[in-house]
N, C-alpha and C. Protein backbone atom coordinates (compact mmCIF):
# COMPACT_ATOMS: atom_id res chain seq x y z
N MET A 1 73.81 61.65 241.79
CA MET A 1 72.96 60.84 241.42
C MET A 1 72.58 59.54 240.54
N LEU A 2 71.70 58.67 240.56
CA LEU A 2 72.06 57.96 239.79
C LEU A 2 70.42 57.57 239.06
N ARG A 3 70.89 57.21 237.87
CA ARG A 3 68.95 57.46 236.51
C ARG A 3 69.14 56.20 236.82
N VAL A 4 67.46 55.32 237.00
CA VAL A 4 67.54 53.83 236.50
C VAL A 4 66.01 54.37 235.17
N PHE A 5 67.16 53.29 233.74
CA PHE A 5 66.14 52.65 232.73
C PHE A 5 65.77 51.37 233.00
N ILE A 6 64.21 50.99 232.73
CA ILE A 6 63.16 50.26 232.83
C ILE A 6 62.95 49.52 231.68
N HIS A 7 64.14 48.52 230.84
CA HIS A 7 63.68 47.95 229.58
C HIS A 7 62.10 47.47 229.81
N LYS A 8 60.89 47.74 228.51
CA LYS A 8 60.46 46.96 227.63
C LYS A 8 60.39 45.68 228.25
N PRO A 9 59.60 44.54 228.68
CA PRO A 9 59.47 43.59 228.14
C PRO A 9 59.79 43.18 227.11
N VAL A 10 60.28 41.79 226.31
CA VAL A 10 60.02 41.39 225.56
C VAL A 10 59.19 40.87 225.47
N ALA A 11 58.45 40.24 224.08
CA ALA A 11 57.72 39.84 223.60
C ALA A 11 57.95 38.55 223.80
N ALA A 12 56.72 37.41 224.09
CA ALA A 12 56.39 36.70 224.08
C ALA A 12 56.71 35.67 222.63
N VAL A 13 57.50 34.71 223.11
CA VAL A 13 57.35 33.82 222.06
C VAL A 13 56.62 33.58 221.50
N GLU A 14 55.51 32.89 219.79
CA GLU A 14 54.43 32.57 220.03
C GLU A 14 54.69 30.92 220.06
N GLY A 15 53.68 30.43 220.75
CA GLY A 15 53.07 28.96 221.24
C GLY A 15 54.29 29.17 222.13
N ALA A 16 54.89 29.91 223.11
CA ALA A 16 55.74 29.45 224.22
C ALA A 16 54.74 29.71 225.29
N GLU A 17 54.92 28.85 226.00
CA GLU A 17 54.37 29.09 227.75
C GLU A 17 54.65 30.54 228.85
N PRO A 18 53.70 31.06 228.80
CA PRO A 18 53.91 32.54 228.85
C PRO A 18 53.93 32.06 230.62
N ASN A 19 55.54 32.99 230.81
CA ASN A 19 56.00 33.45 231.60
C ASN A 19 55.69 33.41 233.21
N PRO A 20 54.71 33.03 234.27
CA PRO A 20 53.86 33.75 235.63
C PRO A 20 54.53 34.62 236.06
N ASN A 21 56.34 35.01 235.88
CA ASN A 21 56.71 35.69 237.28
C ASN A 21 57.22 36.67 236.19
N PRO A 22 57.09 37.87 236.19
CA PRO A 22 57.53 39.00 235.46
C PRO A 22 58.84 39.31 235.75
N ASN A 23 59.27 39.51 234.58
CA ASN A 23 61.05 40.41 234.81
C ASN A 23 61.35 41.61 234.53
N LEU A 24 61.58 41.75 235.44
CA LEU A 24 61.83 43.81 235.20
C LEU A 24 62.98 43.15 235.30
N ASP A 25 63.39 44.49 234.36
CA ASP A 25 65.20 44.71 233.75
C ASP A 25 65.59 45.60 234.47
N LEU A 26 66.62 46.59 234.55
CA LEU A 26 66.76 48.03 235.05
C LEU A 26 68.59 47.63 235.00
N ASP A 27 68.89 49.07 234.27
CA ASP A 27 70.18 49.63 233.71
C ASP A 27 70.28 50.89 234.77
N VAL A 28 71.15 51.27 235.62
CA VAL A 28 72.03 52.06 235.69
C VAL A 28 72.62 52.93 235.57
N ASP A 29 72.74 54.09 235.43
CA ASP A 29 73.62 54.83 235.36
C ASP A 29 74.09 56.39 236.12
N ALA A 30 74.97 56.92 235.74
CA ALA A 30 75.14 57.71 237.36
C ALA A 30 74.62 59.18 236.30
N VAL A 31 74.35 60.61 236.37
CA VAL A 31 74.82 61.98 236.35
C VAL A 31 74.78 62.59 237.36
N GLU A 32 75.45 63.76 236.50
CA GLU A 32 75.75 64.53 237.08
C GLU A 32 75.91 64.54 238.14
N ASP A 33 77.79 63.47 238.34
CA ASP A 33 77.91 63.77 239.47
C ASP A 33 79.40 62.86 239.18
N GLU A 34 80.69 63.30 238.94
CA GLU A 34 81.55 63.26 238.24
C GLU A 34 82.48 62.56 238.94
N SER A 35 81.57 62.08 241.18
CA SER A 35 82.51 61.14 241.66
C SER A 35 81.73 59.91 241.23
N LEU A 36 80.01 59.92 240.32
CA LEU A 36 79.95 58.39 240.35
C LEU A 36 80.07 57.57 238.27
N SER A 37 80.96 58.57 237.79
CA SER A 37 80.95 58.60 236.67
C SER A 37 81.01 56.67 236.16
N ARG A 38 81.42 55.67 236.93
CA ARG A 38 81.22 55.02 237.02
C ARG A 38 80.06 53.61 238.14
N ILE A 39 79.89 52.75 237.55
CA ILE A 39 78.33 52.64 238.61
C ILE A 39 79.58 51.23 239.04
N THR A 40 79.21 50.80 240.38
CA THR A 40 80.05 49.54 240.80
C THR A 40 79.01 48.65 241.25
N VAL A 41 79.25 47.49 241.31
CA VAL A 41 78.63 46.31 242.03
C VAL A 41 77.92 46.19 243.02
N ASP A 42 78.11 47.16 243.97
CA ASP A 42 77.34 48.07 245.33
C ASP A 42 76.21 48.79 244.93
N ASP A 43 76.83 49.76 243.99
CA ASP A 43 75.47 50.50 243.55
C ASP A 43 74.78 49.78 242.97
N CYS A 44 74.78 48.87 242.15
CA CYS A 44 73.39 47.80 241.63
C CYS A 44 73.12 47.30 242.73
N ALA A 45 73.93 46.23 243.35
CA ALA A 45 72.85 45.55 244.85
C ALA A 45 72.41 46.74 245.34
N ASN A 46 72.61 48.19 245.54
CA ASN A 46 71.71 48.86 246.81
C ASN A 46 70.71 49.41 245.77
N VAL A 47 70.68 49.69 244.43
CA VAL A 47 69.70 50.31 243.69
C VAL A 47 68.17 48.74 243.98
N SER A 48 68.90 47.88 243.46
CA SER A 48 68.12 46.04 243.36
C SER A 48 67.95 45.99 244.72
N ARG A 49 68.39 46.26 246.13
CA ARG A 49 67.30 45.63 247.51
C ARG A 49 66.02 47.38 247.62
N GLU A 50 66.89 47.94 247.47
CA GLU A 50 65.61 49.59 247.94
C GLU A 50 64.05 49.39 246.74
N ILE A 51 64.74 49.09 245.23
CA ILE A 51 63.11 48.60 244.29
C ILE A 51 62.53 47.89 244.60
N SER A 52 63.38 46.75 244.63
CA SER A 52 62.63 45.52 245.96
C SER A 52 61.65 45.48 246.41
N ASP A 53 62.35 46.46 247.42
CA ASP A 53 61.84 47.09 248.75
C ASP A 53 60.56 47.55 248.47
N LEU A 54 61.01 48.07 247.30
CA LEU A 54 59.47 49.32 247.10
C LEU A 54 58.48 48.27 246.21
N LEU A 55 58.30 47.36 245.70
CA LEU A 55 57.96 46.84 244.81
C LEU A 55 57.23 46.03 245.63
N ASP A 56 57.55 45.40 246.64
CA ASP A 56 57.19 44.20 247.67
C ASP A 56 55.52 45.11 248.30
N VAL A 57 56.66 46.29 248.69
CA VAL A 57 56.12 47.60 249.97
C VAL A 57 54.24 47.58 248.95
N GLU A 58 54.50 47.99 247.79
CA GLU A 58 53.51 48.89 247.05
C GLU A 58 52.54 47.60 246.71
N GLU A 59 52.87 46.77 246.50
CA GLU A 59 52.63 45.08 245.96
C GLU A 59 52.37 45.55 244.34
N VAL A 60 53.71 45.68 243.64
CA VAL A 60 53.40 45.66 242.28
C VAL A 60 53.07 44.20 241.35
N PHE A 61 53.03 43.92 241.94
CA PHE A 61 52.86 42.54 240.91
C PHE A 61 52.33 41.16 241.60
N ASN A 62 52.06 40.72 241.51
CA ASN A 62 51.03 39.47 242.32
C ASN A 62 51.86 38.29 242.21
N SER A 63 53.14 37.97 241.71
CA SER A 63 53.23 37.19 242.06
C SER A 63 54.99 37.26 241.98
N ALA A 64 55.59 36.33 241.77
CA ALA A 64 56.97 36.47 242.15
C ALA A 64 57.56 37.32 241.15
N PHE A 65 59.07 37.40 240.73
CA PHE A 65 59.30 38.30 240.52
C PHE A 65 60.73 38.21 240.47
N THR A 66 61.17 38.48 238.89
CA THR A 66 62.52 38.58 238.79
C THR A 66 62.86 40.14 238.91
N LEU A 67 63.79 40.69 239.85
CA LEU A 67 64.54 41.54 238.85
C LEU A 67 65.76 42.17 238.45
N GLU A 68 66.09 42.52 237.34
CA GLU A 68 67.69 42.16 237.20
C GLU A 68 68.58 43.44 237.30
N VAL A 69 69.05 43.88 237.95
CA VAL A 69 70.25 45.69 238.09
C VAL A 69 70.84 45.53 237.66
N SER A 70 71.91 46.51 236.31
CA SER A 70 72.85 46.17 236.17
C SER A 70 72.94 47.38 235.70
N SER A 71 74.57 47.91 235.31
CA SER A 71 75.12 49.27 234.50
C SER A 71 74.93 49.01 233.42
N PRO A 72 74.78 50.30 232.55
CA PRO A 72 74.79 49.16 231.21
C PRO A 72 76.65 49.58 230.31
N GLY A 73 77.92 49.76 231.56
CA GLY A 73 78.69 49.51 230.99
C GLY A 73 79.61 50.03 230.07
N MET A 74 80.63 49.86 229.64
CA MET A 74 81.28 50.26 227.96
C MET A 74 81.20 50.38 227.18
N ASP A 75 80.59 49.27 226.45
CA ASP A 75 79.30 49.72 225.47
C ASP A 75 77.86 49.24 225.36
N CYS A 76 77.98 50.50 226.09
CA CYS A 76 76.01 50.86 225.94
C CYS A 76 75.45 50.89 225.56
N ILE A 77 74.28 50.41 224.64
CA ILE A 77 73.71 50.87 223.75
C ILE A 77 72.52 52.38 224.42
N LEU A 78 72.48 53.16 223.42
CA LEU A 78 71.34 54.21 223.40
C LEU A 78 70.02 54.00 223.45
N PHE A 79 69.29 54.76 223.59
CA PHE A 79 68.05 54.37 223.60
C PHE A 79 66.92 55.31 223.79
N ASN A 80 67.38 56.54 223.75
CA ASN A 80 66.87 57.97 224.03
C ASN A 80 67.77 58.66 223.70
N GLU A 81 67.17 59.74 223.25
CA GLU A 81 67.99 61.43 222.82
C GLU A 81 68.69 61.77 223.73
N GLU A 82 68.24 61.97 225.34
CA GLU A 82 68.74 62.14 226.26
C GLU A 82 70.44 61.18 226.35
N GLN A 83 70.30 60.45 225.48
CA GLN A 83 71.83 59.09 226.44
C GLN A 83 72.79 59.58 225.08
N TYR A 84 71.98 60.24 224.31
CA TYR A 84 73.37 60.47 222.58
C TYR A 84 73.51 61.89 222.97
N LEU A 85 72.82 62.94 223.18
CA LEU A 85 73.65 63.66 224.03
C LEU A 85 74.15 63.34 225.22
N ALA A 86 74.24 62.46 226.60
CA ALA A 86 75.01 62.06 226.74
C ALA A 86 76.76 61.42 226.77
N ASN A 87 76.51 60.72 225.53
CA ASN A 87 77.71 60.37 224.69
C ASN A 87 78.25 61.36 223.78
N VAL A 88 78.06 62.40 223.40
CA VAL A 88 78.82 62.77 222.23
C VAL A 88 80.14 63.14 222.39
N GLY A 89 80.63 62.68 221.19
CA GLY A 89 82.43 62.74 221.18
C GLY A 89 83.09 61.09 221.41
N GLN A 90 81.65 60.00 221.15
CA GLN A 90 82.03 58.67 221.72
C GLN A 90 81.99 58.27 219.82
N GLN A 91 82.69 57.19 220.04
CA GLN A 91 83.07 56.52 218.94
C GLN A 91 81.38 55.10 218.74
N ILE A 92 80.40 55.68 218.53
CA ILE A 92 79.15 54.51 218.35
C ILE A 92 78.93 53.94 216.60
N ASP A 93 78.25 52.65 216.91
CA ASP A 93 78.31 52.11 216.26
C ASP A 93 76.24 51.70 215.86
N VAL A 94 75.85 52.04 214.79
CA VAL A 94 74.62 51.93 214.18
C VAL A 94 73.96 50.83 213.49
N ARG A 95 73.27 50.73 213.81
CA ARG A 95 72.40 49.73 213.23
C ARG A 95 71.36 50.07 212.67
N LEU A 96 70.87 50.30 211.49
CA LEU A 96 69.38 51.16 211.28
C LEU A 96 68.34 50.09 210.15
N ASN A 97 67.14 50.14 210.64
CA ASN A 97 66.35 49.28 210.12
C ASN A 97 65.86 49.22 208.59
N ALA A 98 66.44 50.65 208.13
CA ALA A 98 65.94 50.57 206.35
C ALA A 98 67.80 51.65 206.14
N PRO A 99 68.38 51.07 205.01
CA PRO A 99 69.55 51.46 204.12
C PRO A 99 69.35 52.55 204.09
N PHE A 100 70.38 53.88 204.70
CA PHE A 100 70.91 54.80 204.67
C PHE A 100 71.77 55.25 204.11
N GLU A 101 71.34 55.63 202.35
CA GLU A 101 72.74 56.04 201.23
C GLU A 101 73.07 54.14 201.44
N GLY A 102 72.21 53.53 201.87
CA GLY A 102 72.72 52.24 200.44
C GLY A 102 73.50 51.17 202.32
N ARG A 103 73.75 52.02 203.02
CA ARG A 103 74.05 52.01 204.34
C ARG A 103 72.89 51.34 205.30
N LYS A 104 73.26 50.60 206.56
CA LYS A 104 72.47 49.63 207.46
C LYS A 104 73.12 49.48 208.41
N ARG A 105 74.36 49.83 208.22
CA ARG A 105 75.54 50.17 209.18
C ARG A 105 75.95 50.82 209.50
N ILE A 106 76.49 51.80 210.35
CA ILE A 106 77.46 53.07 210.41
C ILE A 106 78.12 53.03 212.02
N THR A 107 79.87 53.11 211.74
CA THR A 107 80.19 53.48 212.71
C THR A 107 80.91 55.27 212.84
N GLY A 108 81.16 54.62 213.21
CA GLY A 108 81.91 56.70 213.48
C GLY A 108 81.78 57.92 214.78
N LEU A 109 81.97 58.74 215.01
CA LEU A 109 82.24 59.38 216.10
C LEU A 109 80.78 60.28 216.04
N LEU A 110 80.31 60.76 217.78
CA LEU A 110 78.93 61.13 216.96
C LEU A 110 79.08 62.04 217.68
N MET A 111 78.88 62.76 217.14
CA MET A 111 78.90 64.56 216.40
C MET A 111 77.50 65.17 217.82
N GLY A 112 76.28 65.26 217.43
CA GLY A 112 75.62 65.09 218.37
C GLY A 112 74.35 65.23 217.95
N ILE A 113 73.05 65.59 218.54
CA ILE A 113 71.80 65.23 217.91
C ILE A 113 70.98 67.13 217.36
N GLU A 114 70.18 66.71 216.16
CA GLU A 114 70.09 68.13 215.93
C GLU A 114 68.80 67.32 214.63
N ASP A 115 67.13 68.10 215.54
CA ASP A 115 65.95 67.86 215.25
C ASP A 115 65.76 65.74 215.08
N GLY A 116 65.95 65.69 215.56
CA GLY A 116 65.51 64.18 216.38
C GLY A 116 66.45 63.35 215.05
N GLU A 117 67.23 63.43 214.75
CA GLU A 117 68.83 63.29 214.18
C GLU A 117 70.04 62.98 214.42
N ALA A 118 70.83 61.99 214.60
CA ALA A 118 72.10 61.68 215.54
C ALA A 118 73.20 62.34 214.23
N VAL A 119 74.32 63.49 214.32
CA VAL A 119 75.00 63.76 213.88
C VAL A 119 76.58 63.19 213.64
N VAL A 120 76.72 61.86 212.48
CA VAL A 120 77.53 60.47 213.19
C VAL A 120 78.48 61.50 211.93
N ARG A 121 80.36 61.79 212.21
CA ARG A 121 80.93 61.50 211.73
C ARG A 121 81.71 59.62 211.46
N SER A 122 82.09 59.28 209.85
CA SER A 122 82.22 58.27 210.30
C SER A 122 83.63 57.90 208.27
N GLY A 123 85.10 58.80 209.16
CA GLY A 123 86.29 58.71 208.32
C GLY A 123 86.14 60.65 207.63
N GLU A 124 85.61 61.12 206.54
CA GLU A 124 85.30 61.85 205.62
C GLU A 124 83.77 62.72 205.66
N ASP A 125 83.01 61.93 205.88
CA ASP A 125 81.81 61.58 205.46
C ASP A 125 80.92 62.25 206.46
N GLU A 126 79.23 62.37 206.75
CA GLU A 126 78.67 63.31 208.03
C GLU A 126 77.81 62.95 207.80
N TYR A 127 76.57 62.33 208.30
CA TYR A 127 75.74 61.37 208.36
C TYR A 127 74.89 62.30 208.96
N LEU A 128 72.66 62.74 208.83
CA LEU A 128 72.29 62.73 209.65
C LEU A 128 71.67 61.31 209.99
N LEU A 129 71.27 61.07 210.69
CA LEU A 129 70.60 59.74 210.61
C LEU A 129 69.48 59.32 211.92
N PRO A 130 68.53 59.55 211.18
CA PRO A 130 67.11 60.08 212.11
C PRO A 130 67.11 58.65 212.56
N LEU A 131 66.55 59.10 214.14
CA LEU A 131 66.49 58.14 215.35
C LEU A 131 65.26 57.47 214.94
N GLU A 132 64.61 57.36 214.68
CA GLU A 132 63.28 56.72 214.15
C GLU A 132 63.53 55.22 213.35
N ASN A 133 64.78 55.57 212.47
CA ASN A 133 65.34 54.64 211.77
C ASN A 133 66.48 53.78 212.41
N VAL A 134 66.14 54.05 213.14
CA VAL A 134 67.92 53.21 214.18
C VAL A 134 67.33 52.24 215.09
N ASN A 135 67.51 51.19 214.68
CA ASN A 135 67.26 49.96 215.47
C ASN A 135 68.34 49.80 217.05
N ARG A 136 69.27 50.34 216.87
CA ARG A 136 70.18 49.85 217.63
C ARG A 136 71.35 50.56 218.01
N THR A 137 71.91 51.19 219.13
CA THR A 137 72.83 51.85 218.80
C THR A 137 73.58 51.62 219.75
N ARG A 138 74.65 51.26 219.10
CA ARG A 138 76.09 51.21 220.54
C ARG A 138 77.43 51.66 220.54
N VAL A 139 78.23 51.94 221.78
CA VAL A 139 78.95 53.16 222.07
C VAL A 139 80.09 51.79 222.05
N VAL A 140 81.52 52.43 220.81
CA VAL A 140 82.36 51.60 220.64
C VAL A 140 82.77 52.23 221.98
N PRO A 141 83.76 51.56 222.71
CA PRO A 141 84.65 51.41 223.80
C PRO A 141 86.19 52.16 222.78
N GLN A 142 86.89 52.47 223.34
CA GLN A 142 88.21 53.39 222.77
C GLN A 142 89.38 52.88 224.53
N PHE A 143 89.96 52.98 224.35
CA PHE A 143 91.33 52.08 225.18
C PHE A 143 92.43 52.97 224.84
N ASP A 144 92.92 53.22 225.29
CA ASP A 144 95.02 53.62 225.16
C ASP A 144 95.40 52.98 225.28
N LYS A 145 96.00 52.95 224.51
CA LYS A 145 97.18 52.44 223.62
C LYS A 145 98.51 53.02 224.37
N GLN A 146 99.30 52.82 225.07
CA GLN A 146 99.92 52.96 225.98
C GLN A 146 101.15 51.69 226.77
N ALA A 147 102.32 52.42 225.62
CA ALA A 147 103.20 51.15 225.68
C ALA A 147 103.32 50.67 226.98
N LYS A 148 103.77 48.98 227.08
CA LYS A 148 104.11 48.78 228.34
C LYS A 148 105.61 48.77 228.62
N SER A 149 105.63 49.85 230.03
CA SER A 149 107.08 49.05 230.09
C SER A 149 107.37 47.98 231.00
């Protein structure tokens, strides 16, 4: 099964000409199926065709539109509690809206979610970061360091 996230459009820049053609940006992610642990280009193409056909049939947009379908990638951004829970045990980089204990950026291991707060262990410290204070959280990819022979 694939999960699709629809991103909110970026607010127009003041004074800029409005874009007459809407832009729909989708991220596709795999859920509940180990065989789909990685999204391929073909997966994105299939979703693009299906969504595009559906939007055309339902006449969602009155004019031409741009449909962008991609996978979150290894350094995906976490948008909601469900995504945080799916990434427990991963290294994350959290940027905060307001300083928390004097810091606006915390990198560490995502331990879980408790009452709307991300539990992040950074070194010997553990932080409870309210999700409402999070500006952006990105997974930090970890690569196995294997000796080359």
